[in-house]
N, C-alpha and C. Protein backbone atom coordinates (compact mmCIF):
# COMPACT_ATOMS: atom_id res chain seq x y z
N UNK A 1 32.20 -37.65 50.91
CA UNK A 1 32.65 -36.32 51.18
C UNK A 1 32.22 -35.36 50.06
N UNK A 2 32.38 -35.84 48.83
CA UNK A 2 31.99 -34.99 47.71
C UNK A 2 30.50 -34.72 47.74
N UNK A 3 29.71 -35.70 48.12
CA UNK A 3 28.26 -35.51 48.17
C UNK A 3 27.89 -34.43 49.18
N UNK A 4 28.59 -34.38 50.28
CA UNK A 4 28.32 -33.37 51.31
C UNK A 4 28.63 -31.96 50.80
N UNK A 5 29.71 -31.82 50.03
CA UNK A 5 30.10 -30.52 49.49
C UNK A 5 29.06 -30.06 48.47
N UNK A 6 28.69 -30.97 47.60
CA UNK A 6 27.70 -30.62 46.58
C UNK A 6 26.35 -30.29 47.21
N UNK A 7 26.00 -31.04 48.26
CA UNK A 7 24.73 -30.81 48.91
C UNK A 7 24.71 -29.43 49.56
N UNK A 8 25.79 -29.05 50.24
CA UNK A 8 25.83 -27.74 50.91
C UNK A 8 25.86 -26.61 49.87
N UNK A 9 26.54 -26.84 48.77
CA UNK A 9 26.58 -25.85 47.69
C UNK A 9 25.19 -25.68 47.10
N UNK A 10 24.48 -26.78 46.89
CA UNK A 10 23.12 -26.72 46.36
C UNK A 10 22.19 -26.00 47.33
N UNK A 11 22.38 -26.23 48.63
CA UNK A 11 21.52 -25.57 49.62
C UNK A 11 21.77 -24.06 49.63
N UNK A 12 23.05 -23.67 49.53
CA UNK A 12 23.36 -22.23 49.50
C UNK A 12 22.78 -21.56 48.25
N UNK A 13 22.87 -22.25 47.12
CA UNK A 13 22.32 -21.69 45.88
C UNK A 13 20.80 -21.56 45.98
N UNK A 14 20.15 -22.54 46.58
CA UNK A 14 18.70 -22.50 46.72
C UNK A 14 18.28 -21.34 47.61
N UNK A 15 19.02 -21.09 48.71
CA UNK A 15 18.70 -19.97 49.59
C UNK A 15 18.89 -18.64 48.86
N UNK A 16 19.97 -18.54 48.12
CA UNK A 16 20.26 -17.30 47.38
C UNK A 16 19.17 -17.02 46.34
N UNK A 17 18.77 -18.08 45.64
CA UNK A 17 17.72 -17.91 44.64
C UNK A 17 16.39 -17.55 45.29
N UNK A 18 16.12 -18.14 46.45
CA UNK A 18 14.87 -17.84 47.15
C UNK A 18 14.85 -16.37 47.56
N UNK A 19 16.00 -15.83 48.03
CA UNK A 19 16.06 -14.42 48.42
C UNK A 19 15.84 -13.52 47.21
N UNK A 20 16.52 -13.85 46.09
CA UNK A 20 16.38 -12.99 44.91
C UNK A 20 14.97 -13.10 44.33
N UNK A 21 14.37 -14.30 44.40
CA UNK A 21 13.01 -14.46 43.90
C UNK A 21 12.04 -13.69 44.79
N UNK A 22 12.31 -13.66 46.08
CA UNK A 22 11.45 -12.93 46.99
C UNK A 22 11.54 -11.44 46.69
N UNK A 23 12.77 -10.93 46.45
CA UNK A 23 12.93 -9.51 46.10
C UNK A 23 12.21 -9.20 44.79
N UNK A 24 12.34 -10.08 43.84
CA UNK A 24 11.70 -9.87 42.54
C UNK A 24 10.18 -9.86 42.69
N UNK A 25 9.66 -10.83 43.45
CA UNK A 25 8.22 -10.91 43.65
C UNK A 25 7.70 -9.68 44.38
N UNK A 26 8.47 -9.18 45.35
CA UNK A 26 8.06 -7.98 46.08
C UNK A 26 8.04 -6.78 45.13
N UNK A 27 9.04 -6.68 44.27
CA UNK A 27 9.07 -5.58 43.30
C UNK A 27 7.90 -5.66 42.34
N UNK A 28 7.59 -6.85 41.88
CA UNK A 28 6.47 -7.02 40.96
C UNK A 28 5.15 -6.67 41.65
N UNK A 29 5.02 -7.04 42.91
CA UNK A 29 3.80 -6.73 43.65
C UNK A 29 3.63 -5.22 43.80
N UNK A 30 4.73 -4.51 44.08
CA UNK A 30 4.66 -3.05 44.22
C UNK A 30 4.26 -2.43 42.88
N UNK A 31 4.84 -2.92 41.79
CA UNK A 31 4.50 -2.39 40.47
C UNK A 31 3.03 -2.63 40.15
N UNK A 32 2.54 -3.81 40.46
CA UNK A 32 1.13 -4.11 40.21
C UNK A 32 0.21 -3.22 41.03
N UNK A 33 0.56 -2.98 42.28
CA UNK A 33 -0.25 -2.11 43.11
C UNK A 33 -0.27 -0.69 42.56
N UNK A 34 0.87 -0.20 42.13
CA UNK A 34 0.94 1.16 41.59
C UNK A 34 0.10 1.26 40.31
N UNK A 35 0.20 0.25 39.46
CA UNK A 35 -0.58 0.26 38.22
C UNK A 35 -2.07 0.18 38.52
N UNK A 36 -2.43 -0.65 39.45
CA UNK A 36 -3.84 -0.78 39.83
C UNK A 36 -4.38 0.52 40.40
N UNK A 37 -3.56 1.22 41.19
CA UNK A 37 -4.00 2.50 41.75
C UNK A 37 -4.20 3.53 40.64
N UNK A 38 -3.30 3.54 39.69
CA UNK A 38 -3.42 4.49 38.57
C UNK A 38 -4.67 4.18 37.75
N UNK A 39 -4.91 2.90 37.50
CA UNK A 39 -6.10 2.52 36.74
C UNK A 39 -7.38 2.86 37.50
N UNK A 40 -7.36 2.65 38.79
CA UNK A 40 -8.54 2.97 39.59
C UNK A 40 -8.80 4.47 39.58
N UNK A 41 -7.71 5.26 39.61
CA UNK A 41 -7.87 6.70 39.59
C UNK A 41 -8.43 7.15 38.24
N UNK A 42 -7.93 6.57 37.15
CA UNK A 42 -8.41 6.90 35.81
C UNK A 42 -9.85 6.45 35.63
N UNK A 43 -10.16 5.26 36.11
CA UNK A 43 -11.52 4.75 35.96
C UNK A 43 -12.51 5.56 36.76
N UNK A 44 -12.05 6.18 37.85
CA UNK A 44 -12.94 6.97 38.68
C UNK A 44 -13.19 8.36 38.13
N UNK A 45 -12.39 8.80 37.15
CA UNK A 45 -12.56 10.14 36.58
C UNK A 45 -13.85 10.19 35.77
N UNK A 46 -14.54 11.29 35.89
CA UNK A 46 -15.80 11.46 35.19
C UNK A 46 -15.51 12.26 33.91
N UNK A 47 -16.05 11.80 32.79
CA UNK A 47 -15.89 12.50 31.53
C UNK A 47 -17.13 13.35 31.31
N UNK A 48 -16.91 14.62 30.98
CA UNK A 48 -18.01 15.56 30.78
C UNK A 48 -18.10 15.92 29.29
N UNK A 49 -19.34 16.13 28.84
CA UNK A 49 -19.60 16.59 27.48
C UNK A 49 -20.09 18.02 27.59
N UNK A 50 -19.28 18.94 27.05
CA UNK A 50 -19.61 20.36 27.16
C UNK A 50 -20.11 20.86 25.82
N UNK A 51 -21.22 21.62 25.81
CA UNK A 51 -21.78 22.12 24.56
C UNK A 51 -20.89 23.20 23.96
N UNK A 52 -21.04 23.42 22.69
CA UNK A 52 -20.27 24.44 21.98
C UNK A 52 -19.91 23.94 20.60
N UNK A 53 -19.16 24.76 19.89
CA UNK A 53 -18.71 24.36 18.57
C UNK A 53 -17.21 24.47 18.54
N UNK A 54 -16.49 23.43 18.55
CA UNK A 54 -16.86 22.02 18.57
C UNK A 54 -17.21 21.57 19.99
N UNK A 55 -17.90 20.44 20.05
CA UNK A 55 -18.29 19.85 21.33
C UNK A 55 -17.02 19.41 22.04
N UNK A 56 -16.93 19.69 23.35
CA UNK A 56 -15.74 19.37 24.13
C UNK A 56 -16.02 18.21 25.06
N UNK A 57 -15.16 17.21 25.02
CA UNK A 57 -15.21 16.09 25.95
C UNK A 57 -13.98 16.20 26.83
N UNK A 58 -14.17 16.25 28.15
CA UNK A 58 -13.02 16.42 29.03
C UNK A 58 -13.25 15.72 30.36
N UNK A 59 -12.13 15.37 31.01
CA UNK A 59 -12.17 14.84 32.36
C UNK A 59 -11.28 15.69 33.26
N UNK A 60 -10.93 16.89 32.77
CA UNK A 60 -9.99 17.75 33.48
C UNK A 60 -10.68 18.90 34.20
N UNK A 61 -11.91 18.73 34.62
CA UNK A 61 -12.59 19.78 35.37
C UNK A 61 -13.37 19.16 36.52
N UNK A 62 -13.66 20.00 37.49
CA UNK A 62 -14.40 19.52 38.66
C UNK A 62 -15.90 19.52 38.33
N UNK A 63 -16.67 18.90 39.20
CA UNK A 63 -18.11 18.82 39.01
C UNK A 63 -18.74 20.20 39.04
N UNK A 64 -18.23 21.11 39.89
CA UNK A 64 -18.78 22.47 39.99
C UNK A 64 -18.53 23.24 38.69
N UNK A 65 -17.28 23.14 38.16
CA UNK A 65 -16.96 23.82 36.90
C UNK A 65 -17.84 23.29 35.76
N UNK A 66 -18.02 21.97 35.73
CA UNK A 66 -18.83 21.37 34.68
C UNK A 66 -20.28 21.85 34.76
N UNK A 67 -20.80 21.97 35.96
CA UNK A 67 -22.18 22.41 36.14
C UNK A 67 -22.32 23.86 35.71
N UNK A 68 -21.32 24.70 36.03
CA UNK A 68 -21.35 26.11 35.66
C UNK A 68 -21.33 26.29 34.14
N UNK A 69 -20.61 25.45 33.45
CA UNK A 69 -20.48 25.56 31.98
C UNK A 69 -21.60 24.84 31.24
N UNK A 70 -22.45 24.13 31.95
CA UNK A 70 -23.56 23.41 31.31
C UNK A 70 -23.15 22.05 30.76
N UNK A 71 -22.06 21.49 31.29
CA UNK A 71 -21.57 20.18 30.81
C UNK A 71 -22.35 19.07 31.50
N UNK A 72 -22.52 17.96 30.79
CA UNK A 72 -23.22 16.82 31.36
C UNK A 72 -22.25 15.65 31.49
N UNK A 73 -22.32 14.91 32.59
CA UNK A 73 -21.41 13.77 32.75
C UNK A 73 -21.83 12.61 31.85
N UNK A 74 -20.84 11.90 31.32
CA UNK A 74 -21.10 10.73 30.48
C UNK A 74 -20.88 9.48 31.30
N UNK A 75 -21.73 8.52 31.09
CA UNK A 75 -21.61 7.26 31.80
C UNK A 75 -21.30 6.17 30.81
N UNK A 76 -20.56 5.19 31.21
CA UNK A 76 -20.26 4.06 30.34
C UNK A 76 -18.81 4.08 29.89
N UNK A 77 -18.60 3.64 28.68
CA UNK A 77 -17.24 3.49 28.15
C UNK A 77 -16.62 4.85 27.86
N UNK A 78 -15.28 4.91 27.91
CA UNK A 78 -14.61 6.16 27.58
C UNK A 78 -14.78 6.50 26.09
N UNK A 79 -14.62 7.75 25.77
CA UNK A 79 -14.84 8.24 24.41
C UNK A 79 -13.53 8.20 23.63
N UNK A 80 -13.60 7.79 22.40
CA UNK A 80 -12.45 7.84 21.50
C UNK A 80 -12.78 8.83 20.40
N UNK A 81 -11.93 9.83 20.24
CA UNK A 81 -12.16 10.84 19.22
C UNK A 81 -11.09 10.70 18.15
N UNK A 82 -11.53 10.59 16.92
CA UNK A 82 -10.61 10.46 15.79
C UNK A 82 -10.66 11.77 15.01
N UNK A 83 -9.52 12.38 14.82
CA UNK A 83 -9.46 13.65 14.11
C UNK A 83 -9.73 13.42 12.64
N UNK A 84 -10.56 14.23 12.05
CA UNK A 84 -10.83 14.18 10.61
C UNK A 84 -9.80 15.01 9.86
N UNK A 85 -9.87 14.98 8.56
CA UNK A 85 -8.94 15.77 7.78
C UNK A 85 -9.49 17.17 7.61
N UNK A 86 -8.58 18.11 7.43
CA UNK A 86 -8.99 19.49 7.21
C UNK A 86 -9.02 19.74 5.71
N UNK A 87 -10.07 20.37 5.22
CA UNK A 87 -10.11 20.65 3.78
C UNK A 87 -9.02 21.65 3.41
N UNK A 88 -8.49 21.49 2.21
CA UNK A 88 -7.45 22.39 1.74
C UNK A 88 -8.01 23.78 1.51
N UNK A 89 -7.16 24.75 1.75
CA UNK A 89 -7.56 26.12 1.49
C UNK A 89 -7.52 26.37 -0.01
N UNK A 90 -8.35 27.24 -0.47
CA UNK A 90 -8.39 27.56 -1.89
C UNK A 90 -7.09 28.22 -2.30
N UNK A 91 -6.57 27.84 -3.45
CA UNK A 91 -5.29 28.38 -3.92
C UNK A 91 -5.45 29.71 -4.62
N UNK A 92 -6.66 30.10 -4.89
CA UNK A 92 -6.89 31.38 -5.54
C UNK A 92 -6.98 31.29 -7.05
N UNK A 93 -6.62 30.14 -7.62
CA UNK A 93 -6.71 30.00 -9.07
C UNK A 93 -8.05 29.38 -9.40
N UNK A 94 -8.83 30.04 -10.22
CA UNK A 94 -10.15 29.49 -10.54
C UNK A 94 -10.04 28.28 -11.45
N UNK A 95 -11.00 27.40 -11.33
CA UNK A 95 -11.07 26.22 -12.18
C UNK A 95 -11.65 26.64 -13.52
N UNK A 96 -10.97 26.30 -14.63
CA UNK A 96 -11.49 26.73 -15.92
C UNK A 96 -12.82 26.03 -16.23
N UNK A 97 -13.74 26.81 -16.72
CA UNK A 97 -15.04 26.26 -17.10
C UNK A 97 -15.22 26.45 -18.59
N UNK A 98 -15.84 25.49 -19.21
CA UNK A 98 -16.08 25.61 -20.65
C UNK A 98 -17.38 26.35 -20.87
N UNK A 99 -17.44 27.05 -21.97
CA UNK A 99 -18.64 27.82 -22.26
C UNK A 99 -19.61 27.03 -23.12
N UNK A 100 -19.43 25.73 -23.18
CA UNK A 100 -20.33 24.89 -23.95
C UNK A 100 -19.57 24.10 -25.00
N UNK A 101 -20.27 23.52 -25.96
CA UNK A 101 -19.63 22.69 -26.96
C UNK A 101 -18.66 23.45 -27.84
N UNK A 102 -18.83 24.76 -27.99
CA UNK A 102 -17.95 25.53 -28.86
C UNK A 102 -16.53 25.56 -28.31
N UNK A 103 -16.35 25.49 -26.98
CA UNK A 103 -15.02 25.56 -26.39
C UNK A 103 -14.23 24.28 -26.65
N UNK A 104 -14.87 23.15 -26.89
CA UNK A 104 -14.17 21.89 -27.08
C UNK A 104 -13.94 21.55 -28.54
N UNK A 105 -14.45 22.32 -29.46
CA UNK A 105 -14.31 22.00 -30.89
C UNK A 105 -12.91 22.31 -31.38
N UNK A 106 -12.43 21.48 -32.28
CA UNK A 106 -11.13 21.65 -32.91
C UNK A 106 -11.38 21.98 -34.38
N UNK A 107 -10.51 22.79 -34.91
CA UNK A 107 -10.62 23.16 -36.32
C UNK A 107 -10.57 21.89 -37.17
N UNK A 108 -11.47 21.69 -38.11
CA UNK A 108 -11.48 20.47 -38.93
C UNK A 108 -10.17 20.22 -39.67
N UNK A 109 -9.50 21.24 -40.10
CA UNK A 109 -8.22 21.05 -40.80
C UNK A 109 -7.16 20.50 -39.85
N UNK A 110 -7.15 21.03 -38.60
CA UNK A 110 -6.21 20.52 -37.60
C UNK A 110 -6.52 19.06 -37.28
N UNK A 111 -7.79 18.74 -37.16
CA UNK A 111 -8.18 17.35 -36.85
C UNK A 111 -7.77 16.41 -37.98
N UNK A 112 -7.95 16.82 -39.23
CA UNK A 112 -7.53 15.99 -40.37
C UNK A 112 -6.02 15.78 -40.35
N UNK A 113 -5.28 16.82 -40.01
CA UNK A 113 -3.81 16.71 -39.95
C UNK A 113 -3.40 15.74 -38.84
N UNK A 114 -4.07 15.83 -37.70
CA UNK A 114 -3.76 14.92 -36.59
C UNK A 114 -4.10 13.48 -36.98
N UNK A 115 -5.24 13.29 -37.60
CA UNK A 115 -5.65 11.94 -38.02
C UNK A 115 -4.67 11.36 -39.02
N UNK A 116 -4.22 12.18 -39.97
CA UNK A 116 -3.30 11.65 -40.99
C UNK A 116 -1.94 11.33 -40.36
N UNK A 117 -1.50 12.16 -39.40
CA UNK A 117 -0.25 11.86 -38.70
C UNK A 117 -0.38 10.55 -37.91
N UNK A 118 -1.48 10.37 -37.23
CA UNK A 118 -1.70 9.15 -36.45
C UNK A 118 -1.73 7.93 -37.36
N UNK A 119 -2.40 8.06 -38.49
CA UNK A 119 -2.49 6.94 -39.44
C UNK A 119 -1.11 6.60 -40.00
N UNK A 120 -0.34 7.64 -40.34
CA UNK A 120 1.01 7.42 -40.89
C UNK A 120 1.90 6.71 -39.86
N UNK A 121 1.82 7.14 -38.60
CA UNK A 121 2.62 6.52 -37.54
C UNK A 121 2.20 5.06 -37.35
N UNK A 122 0.91 4.79 -37.32
CA UNK A 122 0.43 3.41 -37.15
C UNK A 122 0.84 2.52 -38.32
N UNK A 123 0.78 3.06 -39.56
CA UNK A 123 1.18 2.26 -40.73
C UNK A 123 2.67 1.95 -40.69
N UNK A 124 3.49 2.93 -40.27
CA UNK A 124 4.94 2.70 -40.18
C UNK A 124 5.24 1.63 -39.12
N UNK A 125 4.55 1.73 -37.99
CA UNK A 125 4.77 0.73 -36.93
C UNK A 125 4.30 -0.65 -37.37
N UNK A 126 3.19 -0.71 -38.11
CA UNK A 126 2.69 -1.99 -38.60
C UNK A 126 3.68 -2.64 -39.57
N UNK A 127 4.24 -1.85 -40.47
CA UNK A 127 5.21 -2.44 -41.41
C UNK A 127 6.47 -2.89 -40.68
N UNK A 128 6.92 -2.13 -39.68
CA UNK A 128 8.10 -2.52 -38.91
C UNK A 128 7.83 -3.82 -38.15
N UNK A 129 6.66 -3.95 -37.55
CA UNK A 129 6.31 -5.17 -36.80
C UNK A 129 6.18 -6.37 -37.75
N UNK A 130 5.65 -6.17 -38.94
CA UNK A 130 5.56 -7.26 -39.92
C UNK A 130 6.95 -7.75 -40.31
N UNK A 131 7.90 -6.81 -40.47
CA UNK A 131 9.28 -7.21 -40.80
C UNK A 131 9.89 -8.02 -39.66
N UNK A 132 9.68 -7.57 -38.44
CA UNK A 132 10.22 -8.30 -37.27
C UNK A 132 9.60 -9.69 -37.17
N UNK A 133 8.30 -9.79 -37.44
CA UNK A 133 7.63 -11.09 -37.39
C UNK A 133 8.20 -12.02 -38.45
N UNK A 134 8.45 -11.51 -39.65
CA UNK A 134 9.02 -12.35 -40.71
C UNK A 134 10.41 -12.84 -40.31
N UNK A 135 11.20 -11.97 -39.69
CA UNK A 135 12.54 -12.37 -39.24
C UNK A 135 12.45 -13.44 -38.14
N UNK A 136 11.52 -13.28 -37.25
CA UNK A 136 11.36 -14.25 -36.17
C UNK A 136 10.91 -15.60 -36.71
N UNK A 137 9.99 -15.58 -37.67
CA UNK A 137 9.52 -16.84 -38.25
C UNK A 137 10.63 -17.54 -39.02
N UNK A 138 11.49 -16.76 -39.68
CA UNK A 138 12.62 -17.35 -40.40
C UNK A 138 13.58 -18.00 -39.41
N UNK A 139 13.83 -17.36 -38.26
CA UNK A 139 14.71 -17.93 -37.25
C UNK A 139 14.07 -19.16 -36.62
N UNK A 140 12.77 -19.13 -36.41
CA UNK A 140 12.05 -20.24 -35.78
C UNK A 140 12.07 -21.49 -36.66
N UNK A 141 11.98 -21.31 -37.97
CA UNK A 141 12.10 -22.40 -38.94
C UNK A 141 11.14 -23.55 -38.65
N UNK A 142 9.86 -23.20 -38.45
CA UNK A 142 8.81 -24.19 -38.17
C UNK A 142 9.11 -25.06 -36.96
N UNK A 143 9.67 -24.46 -35.93
CA UNK A 143 9.93 -25.18 -34.68
C UNK A 143 11.26 -25.90 -34.64
N UNK A 144 12.09 -25.77 -35.67
CA UNK A 144 13.40 -26.42 -35.68
C UNK A 144 14.48 -25.43 -36.09
N UNK A 145 14.75 -24.44 -35.24
CA UNK A 145 15.78 -23.48 -35.59
C UNK A 145 17.17 -24.11 -35.53
N UNK A 146 18.13 -23.46 -36.20
CA UNK A 146 19.51 -23.95 -36.18
C UNK A 146 20.07 -23.82 -34.76
N UNK A 147 20.83 -24.82 -34.37
CA UNK A 147 21.46 -24.76 -33.04
C UNK A 147 22.65 -23.84 -33.10
N UNK A 148 22.82 -23.05 -32.03
CA UNK A 148 23.95 -22.14 -31.95
C UNK A 148 25.08 -22.80 -31.18
N UNK A 149 26.25 -22.19 -31.24
CA UNK A 149 27.43 -22.75 -30.58
C UNK A 149 27.33 -22.77 -29.07
N UNK A 150 26.59 -21.85 -28.50
CA UNK A 150 26.48 -21.81 -27.04
C UNK A 150 25.41 -22.74 -26.49
N UNK A 151 24.78 -23.52 -27.38
CA UNK A 151 23.71 -24.42 -26.95
C UNK A 151 24.17 -25.88 -26.96
N UNK A 152 25.27 -26.15 -26.29
CA UNK A 152 25.73 -27.53 -26.20
C UNK A 152 24.78 -28.33 -25.33
N UNK A 153 24.18 -27.67 -24.38
CA UNK A 153 23.18 -28.30 -23.53
C UNK A 153 21.85 -28.26 -24.29
N UNK A 154 21.21 -29.40 -24.48
CA UNK A 154 20.00 -29.48 -25.29
C UNK A 154 18.85 -28.68 -24.65
N UNK A 155 18.86 -28.57 -23.32
CA UNK A 155 17.79 -27.84 -22.64
C UNK A 155 17.82 -26.36 -23.02
N UNK A 156 19.02 -25.80 -23.22
CA UNK A 156 19.11 -24.40 -23.65
C UNK A 156 18.44 -24.23 -25.01
N UNK A 157 18.65 -25.18 -25.89
CA UNK A 157 18.06 -25.12 -27.23
C UNK A 157 16.53 -25.18 -27.12
N UNK A 158 16.02 -26.09 -26.30
CA UNK A 158 14.57 -26.23 -26.12
C UNK A 158 13.98 -24.94 -25.54
N UNK A 159 14.68 -24.33 -24.57
CA UNK A 159 14.22 -23.08 -23.97
C UNK A 159 14.18 -21.96 -25.01
N UNK A 160 15.19 -21.89 -25.88
CA UNK A 160 15.21 -20.85 -26.90
C UNK A 160 14.08 -21.04 -27.89
N UNK A 161 13.78 -22.29 -28.27
CA UNK A 161 12.68 -22.57 -29.19
C UNK A 161 11.35 -22.14 -28.56
N UNK A 162 11.17 -22.43 -27.28
CA UNK A 162 9.93 -22.04 -26.59
C UNK A 162 9.83 -20.52 -26.51
N UNK A 163 10.93 -19.84 -26.23
CA UNK A 163 10.92 -18.39 -26.18
C UNK A 163 10.58 -17.79 -27.54
N UNK A 164 11.14 -18.38 -28.61
CA UNK A 164 10.83 -17.90 -29.96
C UNK A 164 9.35 -18.05 -30.27
N UNK A 165 8.79 -19.19 -29.89
CA UNK A 165 7.37 -19.45 -30.16
C UNK A 165 6.50 -18.44 -29.42
N UNK A 166 6.84 -18.16 -28.17
CA UNK A 166 6.09 -17.19 -27.37
C UNK A 166 6.22 -15.78 -27.97
N UNK A 167 7.43 -15.42 -28.39
CA UNK A 167 7.65 -14.09 -28.97
C UNK A 167 6.88 -13.93 -30.27
N UNK A 168 6.80 -14.99 -31.07
CA UNK A 168 6.05 -14.92 -32.33
C UNK A 168 4.56 -14.73 -32.04
N UNK A 169 4.03 -15.43 -31.07
CA UNK A 169 2.61 -15.28 -30.71
C UNK A 169 2.33 -13.87 -30.22
N UNK A 170 3.24 -13.32 -29.40
CA UNK A 170 3.07 -11.96 -28.90
C UNK A 170 3.12 -10.95 -30.05
N UNK A 171 4.05 -11.14 -30.97
CA UNK A 171 4.19 -10.23 -32.11
C UNK A 171 2.94 -10.27 -32.99
N UNK A 172 2.38 -11.47 -33.18
CA UNK A 172 1.15 -11.58 -33.99
C UNK A 172 -0.01 -10.86 -33.32
N UNK A 173 -0.12 -10.94 -32.00
CA UNK A 173 -1.21 -10.23 -31.31
C UNK A 173 -0.98 -8.72 -31.38
N UNK A 174 0.28 -8.28 -31.36
CA UNK A 174 0.57 -6.85 -31.51
C UNK A 174 0.13 -6.36 -32.89
N UNK A 175 0.38 -7.17 -33.91
CA UNK A 175 0.01 -6.79 -35.27
C UNK A 175 -1.51 -6.70 -35.40
N UNK A 176 -2.23 -7.63 -34.78
CA UNK A 176 -3.69 -7.59 -34.81
C UNK A 176 -4.19 -6.30 -34.14
N UNK A 177 -3.57 -5.92 -33.02
CA UNK A 177 -3.97 -4.70 -32.32
C UNK A 177 -3.69 -3.47 -33.17
N UNK A 178 -2.55 -3.45 -33.85
CA UNK A 178 -2.24 -2.31 -34.72
C UNK A 178 -3.24 -2.20 -35.87
N UNK A 179 -3.61 -3.33 -36.44
CA UNK A 179 -4.61 -3.32 -37.53
C UNK A 179 -5.96 -2.81 -37.01
N UNK A 180 -6.31 -3.17 -35.77
CA UNK A 180 -7.56 -2.71 -35.18
C UNK A 180 -7.53 -1.19 -34.99
N UNK A 181 -6.39 -0.67 -34.55
CA UNK A 181 -6.25 0.78 -34.38
C UNK A 181 -6.30 1.50 -35.73
N UNK A 182 -5.69 0.89 -36.74
CA UNK A 182 -5.72 1.50 -38.07
C UNK A 182 -7.15 1.56 -38.60
N UNK A 183 -7.93 0.56 -38.30
CA UNK A 183 -9.32 0.54 -38.77
C UNK A 183 -10.14 1.65 -38.12
N UNK A 184 -9.74 2.08 -36.91
CA UNK A 184 -10.47 3.14 -36.20
C UNK A 184 -10.16 4.52 -36.76
N UNK A 185 -8.96 4.70 -37.31
CA UNK A 185 -8.59 6.04 -37.80
C UNK A 185 -9.18 6.27 -39.18
N UNK A 186 -9.64 7.50 -39.42
CA UNK A 186 -10.22 7.80 -40.74
C UNK A 186 -9.13 7.83 -41.81
N UNK A 187 -9.45 7.44 -43.04
CA UNK A 187 -8.45 7.40 -44.11
C UNK A 187 -8.00 8.77 -44.55
């Protein structure tokens, strides 16, 4: 008895699904036909190239209008037009021009003052970096710095030693760069 009930229920569900699938398929067929008609209409449109400045490409005119305006029909693939950028309008402020080497010259006294200021700044920075390097090397203690209270885990200690070593190498390269800059500045 139960098999008969289940069988009739399954048959009713199959019929219902078949009806809904038929409606869906009919709707899809109508949509496909409409799309195909639109594509066929678009594909059948003739694109004309009309002379002038700028050249006009259009499919929105009849053959008679195109002939009257001197437009020629294009055959083949449709045209893709990419808009270019428009140049900026002039702001009205002229670009300064130099009148030759005399316009770029600096008074020798001003240049000497600038050079001495630059040298003084570089020397001060070099001495400050040398002091920091000495402090870092003292803390590094030839690769065996004192352990701190927060380094109960040995890995933290190893990480700090590696960081110190890296920082010392970086500081030494900074000092070399400062010395190179000092060598470039006039005494």
